[in-house]
Amino acid sequence: MEESTKVSWVRLPLYRSLTDFLLFAGVPKTFLIINAGVGIFFALYFHFWYIIVVNALVHFTCQYFSSSDPQFFDCFSLYSYKHDYYST
């Protein structure tokens, strides 16, 4: 092996795909599944077709919050379940 083709074990390349948070259609996967499930349930079971417009608005709102911080909803869900120990 030539000296120029050796890879240093100290400085291995770190790819961006291993560190970035994965978003589907600009939103986290769990939110996309819940939003689509609720929309399909109301549209097909109750014949409430206006829910598709509401789902689109909720999706774009979630996409707006996820654009600056992809883990916004994960942090928000963990924060919302914390107890306020110092309340008076």
PDB file of N, CA and C in Angstrom:
ATOM      1  N   MET A   1       0.834  -1.176   0.000  1.00  0.00           N
ATOM      2  CA  MET A   1       0.000   0.000   0.000  1.00  0.00           C
ATOM      3  C   MET A   1       0.877   1.236   0.000  1.00  0.00           C
ATOM      4  N   GLU A   2       0.461   2.160  -0.774  1.00  0.00           N
ATOM      5  CA  GLU A   2       1.212   3.413  -0.803  1.00  0.00           C
ATOM      6  C   GLU A   2       0.866   4.248   0.422  1.00  0.00           C
ATOM      7  N   GLU A   3       1.753   5.119   0.735  1.00  0.00           N
ATOM      8  CA  GLU A   3       1.567   5.970   1.902  1.00  0.00           C
ATOM      9  C   GLU A   3       0.420   6.968   1.693  1.00  0.00           C
ATOM     10  N   SER A   4       0.149   7.357   0.460  1.00  0.00           N
ATOM     11  CA  SER A   4      -0.877   8.371   0.200  1.00  0.00           C
ATOM     12  C   SER A   4      -2.295   7.799   0.230  1.00  0.00           C
ATOM     13  N   THR A   5      -2.466   6.501   0.084  1.00  0.00           N
ATOM     14  CA  THR A   5      -3.804   5.914   0.070  1.00  0.00           C
ATOM     15  C   THR A   5      -4.263   5.430   1.441  1.00  0.00           C
ATOM     16  N   LYS A   6      -3.407   5.479   2.430  1.00  0.00           N
ATOM     17  CA  LYS A   6      -3.786   5.052   3.765  1.00  0.00           C
ATOM     18  C   LYS A   6      -4.722   6.083   4.409  1.00  0.00           C
ATOM     19  N   VAL A   7      -5.704   5.564   5.154  1.00  0.00           N
ATOM     20  CA  VAL A   7      -6.629   6.427   5.873  1.00  0.00           C
ATOM     21  C   VAL A   7      -6.187   6.473   7.329  1.00  0.00           C
ATOM     22  N   SER A   8      -6.106   7.656   7.859  1.00  0.00           N
ATOM     23  CA  SER A   8      -5.703   7.819   9.243  1.00  0.00           C
ATOM     24  C   SER A   8      -6.837   7.405  10.165  1.00  0.00           C
ATOM     25  N   TRP A   9      -6.544   6.607  11.195  1.00  0.00           N
ATOM     26  CA  TRP A   9      -7.555   6.202  12.143  1.00  0.00           C
ATOM     27  C   TRP A   9      -7.860   7.309  13.138  1.00  0.00           C
ATOM     28  N   VAL A  10      -6.998   8.292  13.208  1.00  0.00           N
ATOM     29  CA  VAL A  10      -7.220   9.406  14.112  1.00  0.00           C
ATOM     30  C   VAL A  10      -8.218  10.391  13.511  1.00  0.00           C
ATOM     31  N   ARG A  11      -8.124  10.618  12.210  1.00  0.00           N
ATOM     32  CA  ARG A  11      -8.995  11.585  11.531  1.00  0.00           C
ATOM     33  C   ARG A  11      -9.809  10.897  10.448  1.00  0.00           C
ATOM     34  N   LEU A  12     -10.825  10.188  10.868  1.00  0.00           N
ATOM     35  CA  LEU A  12     -11.720   9.537   9.923  1.00  0.00           C
ATOM     36  C   LEU A  12     -12.747  10.549   9.414  1.00  0.00           C
ATOM     37  N   PRO A  13     -13.200  10.396   8.188  1.00  0.00           N
ATOM     38  CA  PRO A  13     -14.207  11.337   7.685  1.00  0.00           C
ATOM     39  C   PRO A  13     -15.560  11.101   8.369  1.00  0.00           C
ATOM     40  N   LEU A  14     -16.241  12.186   8.706  1.00  0.00           N
ATOM     41  CA  LEU A  14     -17.561  12.115   9.310  1.00  0.00           C
ATOM     42  C   LEU A  14     -18.548  12.709   8.319  1.00  0.00           C
ATOM     43  N   TYR A  15     -19.455  11.873   7.844  1.00  0.00           N
ATOM     44  CA  TYR A  15     -20.382  12.306   6.810  1.00  0.00           C
ATOM     45  C   TYR A  15     -21.583  13.006   7.424  1.00  0.00           C
ATOM     46  N   ARG A  16     -22.095  13.974   6.716  1.00  0.00           N
ATOM     47  CA  ARG A  16     -23.222  14.763   7.191  1.00  0.00           C
ATOM     48  C   ARG A  16     -24.481  13.906   7.343  1.00  0.00           C
ATOM     49  N   SER A  17     -24.628  12.901   6.513  1.00  0.00           N
ATOM     50  CA  SER A  17     -25.812  12.049   6.591  1.00  0.00           C
ATOM     51  C   SER A  17     -25.866  11.250   7.896  1.00  0.00           C
ATOM     52  N   LEU A  18     -24.756  11.088   8.576  1.00  0.00           N
ATOM     53  CA  LEU A  18     -24.737  10.367   9.846  1.00  0.00           C
ATOM     54  C   LEU A  18     -25.093  11.258  11.032  1.00  0.00           C
ATOM     55  N   THR A  19     -24.999  12.565  10.861  1.00  0.00           N
ATOM     56  CA  THR A  19     -25.221  13.472  11.975  1.00  0.00           C
ATOM     57  C   THR A  19     -26.492  14.291  11.854  1.00  0.00           C
ATOM     58  N   ASP A  20     -27.041  14.466  10.665  1.00  0.00           N
ATOM     59  CA  ASP A  20     -28.249  15.269  10.484  1.00  0.00           C
ATOM     60  C   ASP A  20     -29.486  14.496  10.911  1.00  0.00           C
ATOM     61  N   PHE A  21     -30.478  15.227  11.388  1.00  0.00           N
ATOM     62  CA  PHE A  21     -31.752  14.643  11.789  1.00  0.00           C
ATOM     63  C   PHE A  21     -32.579  14.399  10.537  1.00  0.00           C
ATOM     64  N   LEU A  22     -33.200  13.245  10.441  1.00  0.00           N
ATOM     65  CA  LEU A  22     -33.929  12.844   9.249  1.00  0.00           C
ATOM     66  C   LEU A  22     -35.347  13.411   9.270  1.00  0.00           C
ATOM     67  N   LEU A  23     -35.704  14.160   8.219  1.00  0.00           N
ATOM     68  CA  LEU A  23     -37.037  14.736   8.080  1.00  0.00           C
ATOM     69  C   LEU A  23     -37.689  14.205   6.814  1.00  0.00           C
ATOM     70  N   PHE A  24     -38.964  13.888   6.903  1.00  0.00           N
ATOM     71  CA  PHE A  24     -39.737  13.466   5.741  1.00  0.00           C
ATOM     72  C   PHE A  24     -40.710  14.584   5.406  1.00  0.00           C
ATOM     73  N   ALA A  25     -40.632  15.083   4.169  1.00  0.00           N
ATOM     74  CA  ALA A  25     -41.474  16.204   3.713  1.00  0.00           C
ATOM     75  C   ALA A  25     -41.298  17.411   4.622  1.00  0.00           C
ATOM     76  N   GLY A  26     -40.119  17.569   5.206  1.00  0.00           N
ATOM     77  CA  GLY A  26     -39.807  18.721   6.039  1.00  0.00           C
ATOM     78  C   GLY A  26     -40.248  18.620   7.481  1.00  0.00           C
ATOM     79  N   VAL A  27     -40.821  17.488   7.887  1.00  0.00           N
ATOM     80  CA  VAL A  27     -41.291  17.308   9.267  1.00  0.00           C
ATOM     81  C   VAL A  27     -40.762  15.982   9.817  1.00  0.00           C
ATOM     82  N   PRO A  28     -40.722  15.829  11.140  1.00  0.00           N
ATOM     83  CA  PRO A  28     -40.293  14.552  11.708  1.00  0.00           C
ATOM     84  C   PRO A  28     -41.247  13.417  11.324  1.00  0.00           C
ATOM     85  N   LYS A  29     -40.711  12.212  11.293  1.00  0.00           N
ATOM     86  CA  LYS A  29     -41.473  11.054  10.830  1.00  0.00           C
ATOM     87  C   LYS A  29     -42.687  10.766  11.704  1.00  0.00           C
ATOM     88  N   THR A  30     -42.543  10.889  13.014  1.00  0.00           N
ATOM     89  CA  THR A  30     -43.667  10.601  13.898  1.00  0.00           C
ATOM     90  C   THR A  30     -44.812  11.583  13.677  1.00  0.00           C
ATOM     91  N   PHE A  31     -44.487  12.850  13.499  1.00  0.00           N
ATOM     92  CA  PHE A  31     -45.540  13.839  13.257  1.00  0.00           C
ATOM     93  C   PHE A  31     -46.221  13.589  11.920  1.00  0.00           C
ATOM     94  N   LEU A  32     -45.458  13.214  10.910  1.00  0.00           N
ATOM     95  CA  LEU A  32     -46.035  12.946   9.595  1.00  0.00           C
ATOM     96  C   LEU A  32     -47.003  11.766   9.651  1.00  0.00           C
ATOM     97  N   ILE A  33     -46.641  10.716  10.377  1.00  0.00           N
ATOM     98  CA  ILE A  33     -47.505   9.542  10.494  1.00  0.00           C
ATOM     99  C   ILE A  33     -48.783   9.882  11.251  1.00  0.00           C
ATOM    100  N   ILE A  34     -48.665  10.623  12.348  1.00  0.00           N
ATOM    101  CA  ILE A  34     -49.849  10.995  13.125  1.00  0.00           C
ATOM    102  C   ILE A  34     -50.759  11.922  12.327  1.00  0.00           C
ATOM    103  N   ASN A  35     -50.182  12.909  11.673  1.00  0.00           N
ATOM    104  CA  ASN A  35     -50.970  13.869  10.899  1.00  0.00           C
ATOM    105  C   ASN A  35     -51.687  13.174   9.738  1.00  0.00           C
ATOM    106  N   ALA A  36     -50.993  12.316   9.026  1.00  0.00           N
ATOM    107  CA  ALA A  36     -51.612  11.599   7.912  1.00  0.00           C
ATOM    108  C   ALA A  36     -52.663  10.612   8.422  1.00  0.00           C
ATOM    109  N   GLY A  37     -52.407   9.947   9.523  1.00  0.00           N
ATOM    110  CA  GLY A  37     -53.374   9.002  10.075  1.00  0.00           C
ATOM    111  C   GLY A  37     -54.658   9.683  10.511  1.00  0.00           C
ATOM    112  N   VAL A  38     -54.539  10.807  11.183  1.00  0.00           N
ATOM    113  CA  VAL A  38     -55.728  11.549  11.611  1.00  0.00           C
ATOM    114  C   VAL A  38     -56.498  12.060  10.392  1.00  0.00           C
ATOM    115  N   GLY A  39     -55.782  12.562   9.408  1.00  0.00           N
ATOM    116  CA  GLY A  39     -56.445  13.067   8.203  1.00  0.00           C
ATOM    117  C   GLY A  39     -57.169  11.989   7.436  1.00  0.00           C
ATOM    118  N   ILE A  40     -56.534  10.850   7.274  1.00  0.00           N
ATOM    119  CA  ILE A  40     -57.165   9.741   6.551  1.00  0.00           C
ATOM    120  C   ILE A  40     -58.361   9.198   7.335  1.00  0.00           C
ATOM    121  N   PHE A  41     -58.223   9.100   8.654  1.00  0.00           N
ATOM    122  CA  PHE A  41     -59.316   8.595   9.481  1.00  0.00           C
ATOM    123  C   PHE A  41     -60.550   9.488   9.369  1.00  0.00           C
ATOM    124  N   PHE A  42     -60.374  10.805   9.546  1.00  0.00           N
ATOM    125  CA  PHE A  42     -61.516  11.712   9.480  1.00  0.00           C
ATOM    126  C   PHE A  42     -62.092  11.804   8.072  1.00  0.00           C
ATOM    127  N   ALA A  43     -61.236  11.759   7.049  1.00  0.00           N
ATOM    128  CA  ALA A  43     -61.722  11.890   5.673  1.00  0.00           C
ATOM    129  C   ALA A  43     -62.495  10.656   5.232  1.00  0.00           C
ATOM    130  N   LEU A  44     -62.012   9.485   5.563  1.00  0.00           N
ATOM    131  CA  LEU A  44     -62.667   8.273   5.085  1.00  0.00           C
ATOM    132  C   LEU A  44     -63.780   7.776   6.002  1.00  0.00           C
ATOM    133  N   TYR A  45     -63.607   7.897   7.299  1.00  0.00           N
ATOM    134  CA  TYR A  45     -64.599   7.345   8.223  1.00  0.00           C
ATOM    135  C   TYR A  45     -65.776   8.290   8.437  1.00  0.00           C
ATOM    136  N   PHE A  46     -65.482   9.591   8.633  1.00  0.00           N
ATOM    137  CA  PHE A  46     -66.534  10.563   8.906  1.00  0.00           C
ATOM    138  C   PHE A  46     -66.933  11.376   7.675  1.00  0.00           C
ATOM    139  N   HIS A  47     -66.269  11.158   6.558  1.00  0.00           N
ATOM    140  CA  HIS A  47     -66.498  11.914   5.325  1.00  0.00           C
ATOM    141  C   HIS A  47     -66.348  13.417   5.556  1.00  0.00           C
ATOM    142  N   PHE A  48     -65.398  13.774   6.390  1.00  0.00           N
ATOM    143  CA  PHE A  48     -65.107  15.167   6.706  1.00  0.00           C
ATOM    144  C   PHE A  48     -63.904  15.577   5.859  1.00  0.00           C
ATOM    145  N   TRP A  49     -64.176  16.011   4.643  1.00  0.00           N
ATOM    146  CA  TRP A  49     -63.116  16.257   3.675  1.00  0.00           C
ATOM    147  C   TRP A  49     -62.363  17.561   3.932  1.00  0.00           C
ATOM    148  N   TYR A  50     -62.907  18.437   4.753  1.00  0.00           N
ATOM    149  CA  TYR A  50     -62.216  19.691   5.048  1.00  0.00           C
ATOM    150  C   TYR A  50     -60.981  19.466   5.928  1.00  0.00           C
ATOM    151  N   ILE A  51     -60.879  18.309   6.510  1.00  0.00           N
ATOM    152  CA  ILE A  51     -59.720  18.013   7.354  1.00  0.00           C
ATOM    153  C   ILE A  51     -58.430  17.999   6.546  1.00  0.00           C
ATOM    154  N   ILE A  52     -58.526  17.771   5.247  1.00  0.00           N
ATOM    155  CA  ILE A  52     -57.330  17.773   4.404  1.00  0.00           C
ATOM    156  C   ILE A  52     -56.708  19.156   4.379  1.00  0.00           C
ATOM    157  N   VAL A  53     -57.533  20.194   4.333  1.00  0.00           N
ATOM    158  CA  VAL A  53     -57.031  21.573   4.373  1.00  0.00           C
ATOM    159  C   VAL A  53     -56.415  21.868   5.732  1.00  0.00           C
ATOM    160  N   VAL A  54     -57.063  21.414   6.790  1.00  0.00           N
ATOM    161  CA  VAL A  54     -56.532  21.617   8.142  1.00  0.00           C
ATOM    162  C   VAL A  54     -55.207  20.879   8.303  1.00  0.00           C
ATOM    163  N   ASN A  55     -55.128  19.652   7.796  1.00  0.00           N
ATOM    164  CA  ASN A  55     -53.878  18.888   7.866  1.00  0.00           C
ATOM    165  C   ASN A  55     -52.760  19.583   7.093  1.00  0.00           C
ATOM    166  N   ALA A  56     -53.076  20.159   5.953  1.00  0.00           N
ATOM    167  CA  ALA A  56     -52.056  20.874   5.182  1.00  0.00           C
ATOM    168  C   ALA A  56     -51.551  22.091   5.950  1.00  0.00           C
ATOM    169  N   LEU A  57     -52.456  22.823   6.605  1.00  0.00           N
ATOM    170  CA  LEU A  57     -52.032  23.981   7.404  1.00  0.00           C
ATOM    171  C   LEU A  57     -51.176  23.554   8.601  1.00  0.00           C
ATOM    172  N   VAL A  58     -51.571  22.479   9.257  1.00  0.00           N
ATOM    173  CA  VAL A  58     -50.788  21.973  10.390  1.00  0.00           C
ATOM    174  C   VAL A  58     -49.424  21.476   9.916  1.00  0.00           C
ATOM    175  N   HIS A  59     -49.397  20.837   8.757  1.00  0.00           N
ATOM    176  CA  HIS A  59     -48.136  20.338   8.211  1.00  0.00           C
ATOM    177  C   HIS A  59     -47.179  21.487   7.894  1.00  0.00           C
ATOM    178  N   PHE A  60     -47.684  22.541   7.259  1.00  0.00           N
ATOM    179  CA  PHE A  60     -46.805  23.663   6.925  1.00  0.00           C
ATOM    180  C   PHE A  60     -46.370  24.433   8.161  1.00  0.00           C
ATOM    181  N   THR A  61     -47.211  24.470   9.185  1.00  0.00           N
ATOM    182  CA  THR A  61     -46.801  25.089  10.450  1.00  0.00           C
ATOM    183  C   THR A  61     -45.688  24.275  11.102  1.00  0.00           C
ATOM    184  N   CYS A  62     -45.847  22.967  11.113  1.00  0.00           N
ATOM    185  CA  CYS A  62     -44.804  22.096  11.654  1.00  0.00           C
ATOM    186  C   CYS A  62     -43.525  22.195  10.834  1.00  0.00           C
ATOM    187  N   GLN A  63     -43.651  22.316   9.541  1.00  0.00           N
ATOM    188  CA  GLN A  63     -42.489  22.460   8.667  1.00  0.00           C
ATOM    189  C   GLN A  63     -41.755  23.766   8.956  1.00  0.00           C
ATOM    190  N   TYR A  64     -42.499  24.820   9.268  1.00  0.00           N
ATOM    191  CA  TYR A  64     -41.886  26.106   9.619  1.00  0.00           C
ATOM    192  C   TYR A  64     -41.077  25.981  10.906  1.00  0.00           C
ATOM    193  N   PHE A  65     -41.641  25.324  11.923  1.00  0.00           N
ATOM    194  CA  PHE A  65     -40.915  25.156  13.186  1.00  0.00           C
ATOM    195  C   PHE A  65     -39.724  24.218  13.030  1.00  0.00           C
ATOM    196  N   SER A  66     -39.836  23.223  12.176  1.00  0.00           N
ATOM    197  CA  SER A  66     -38.754  22.255  11.994  1.00  0.00           C
ATOM    198  C   SER A  66     -37.646  22.773  11.090  1.00  0.00           C
ATOM    199  N   SER A  67     -37.886  23.846  10.368  1.00  0.00           N
ATOM    200  CA  SER A  67     -36.854  24.348   9.452  1.00  0.00           C
ATOM    201  C   SER A  67     -35.660  24.919  10.208  1.00  0.00           C
ATOM    202  N   SER A  68     -35.897  25.588  11.332  1.00  0.00           N
ATOM    203  CA  SER A  68     -34.783  26.143  12.089  1.00  0.00           C
ATOM    204  C   SER A  68     -34.196  25.140  13.077  1.00  0.00           C
ATOM    205  N   ASP A  69     -35.036  24.271  13.638  1.00  0.00           N
ATOM    206  CA  ASP A  69     -34.564  23.272  14.598  1.00  0.00           C
ATOM    207  C   ASP A  69     -35.289  21.957  14.332  1.00  0.00           C
ATOM    208  N   PRO A  70     -34.629  20.988  13.699  1.00  0.00           N
ATOM    209  CA  PRO A  70     -35.310  19.735  13.352  1.00  0.00           C
ATOM    210  C   PRO A  70     -35.801  18.937  14.559  1.00  0.00           C
ATOM    211  N   GLN A  71     -35.237  19.150  15.721  1.00  0.00           N
ATOM    212  CA  GLN A  71     -35.646  18.399  16.911  1.00  0.00           C
ATOM    213  C   GLN A  71     -36.546  19.219  17.830  1.00  0.00           C
ATOM    214  N   PHE A  72     -37.225  20.201  17.275  1.00  0.00           N
ATOM    215  CA  PHE A  72     -38.098  21.075  18.059  1.00  0.00           C
ATOM    216  C   PHE A  72     -39.203  20.292  18.753  1.00  0.00           C
ATOM    217  N   PHE A  73     -39.877  19.417  18.041  1.00  0.00           N
ATOM    218  CA  PHE A  73     -41.009  18.699  18.620  1.00  0.00           C
ATOM    219  C   PHE A  73     -40.566  17.625  19.607  1.00  0.00           C
ATOM    220  N   ASP A  74     -39.399  17.055  19.414  1.00  0.00           N
ATOM    221  CA  ASP A  74     -38.878  16.106  20.406  1.00  0.00           C
ATOM    222  C   ASP A  74     -38.576  16.823  21.718  1.00  0.00           C
ATOM    223  N   CYS A  75     -37.931  17.974  21.622  1.00  0.00           N
ATOM    224  CA  CYS A  75     -37.624  18.755  22.827  1.00  0.00           C
ATOM    225  C   CYS A  75     -38.896  19.272  23.487  1.00  0.00           C
ATOM    226  N   PHE A  76     -39.858  19.707  22.684  1.00  0.00           N
ATOM    227  CA  PHE A  76     -41.112  20.230  23.231  1.00  0.00           C
ATOM    228  C   PHE A  76     -41.899  19.134  23.938  1.00  0.00           C
ATOM    229  N   SER A  77     -41.924  17.942  23.375  1.00  0.00           N
ATOM    230  CA  SER A  77     -42.666  16.855  24.023  1.00  0.00           C
ATOM    231  C   SER A  77     -42.003  16.435  25.331  1.00  0.00           C
ATOM    232  N   LEU A  78     -40.680  16.426  25.380  1.00  0.00           N
ATOM    233  CA  LEU A  78     -39.997  16.103  26.636  1.00  0.00           C
ATOM    234  C   LEU A  78     -40.197  17.205  27.669  1.00  0.00           C
ATOM    235  N   TYR A  79     -40.193  18.451  27.227  1.00  0.00           N
ATOM    236  CA  TYR A  79     -40.386  19.575  28.151  1.00  0.00           C
ATOM    237  C   TYR A  79     -41.804  19.601  28.702  1.00  0.00           C
ATOM    238  N   SER A  80     -42.787  19.262  27.892  1.00  0.00           N
ATOM    239  CA  SER A  80     -44.173  19.349  28.338  1.00  0.00           C
ATOM    240  C   SER A  80     -44.507  18.301  29.406  1.00  0.00           C
ATOM    241  N   TYR A  81     -43.772  17.213  29.478  1.00  0.00           N
ATOM    242  CA  TYR A  81     -44.029  16.180  30.480  1.00  0.00           C
ATOM    243  C   TYR A  81     -43.251  16.374  31.777  1.00  0.00           C
ATOM    244  N   LYS A  82     -42.385  17.363  31.821  1.00  0.00           N
ATOM    245  CA  LYS A  82     -41.622  17.610  33.040  1.00  0.00           C
ATOM    246  C   LYS A  82     -42.517  18.289  34.090  1.00  0.00           C
ATOM    247  N   HIS A  83     -42.327  17.907  35.330  1.00  0.00           N
ATOM    248  CA  HIS A  83     -43.105  18.475  36.417  1.00  0.00           C
ATOM    249  C   HIS A  83     -42.450  19.767  36.890  1.00  0.00           C
ATOM    250  N   ASP A  84     -43.267  20.698  37.289  1.00  0.00           N
ATOM    251  CA  ASP A  84     -42.761  21.958  37.802  1.00  0.00           C
ATOM    252  C   ASP A  84     -42.598  21.821  39.314  1.00  0.00           C
ATOM    253  N   TYR A  85     -41.405  21.507  39.754  1.00  0.00           N
ATOM    254  CA  TYR A  85     -41.159  21.234  41.166  1.00  0.00           C
ATOM    255  C   TYR A  85     -41.110  22.503  42.022  1.00  0.00           C
ATOM    256  N   TYR A  86     -40.826  23.618  41.396  1.00  0.00           N
ATOM    257  CA  TYR A  86     -40.633  24.852  42.157  1.00  0.00           C
ATOM    258  C   TYR A  86     -41.848  25.775  42.063  1.00  0.00           C
ATOM    259  N   SER A  87     -43.007  25.252  41.753  1.00  0.00           N
ATOM    260  CA  SER A  87     -44.192  26.093  41.670  1.00  0.00           C
ATOM    261  C   SER A  87     -44.673  26.432  43.077  1.00  0.00           C
ATOM    262  N   THR A  88     -45.310  27.576  43.193  1.00  0.00           N
ATOM    263  CA  THR A  88     -45.796  27.991  44.512  1.00  0.00           C
ATOM    264  C   THR A  88     -47.294  27.966  44.563  1.00  0.00           C
TER     265      THR A  88
END
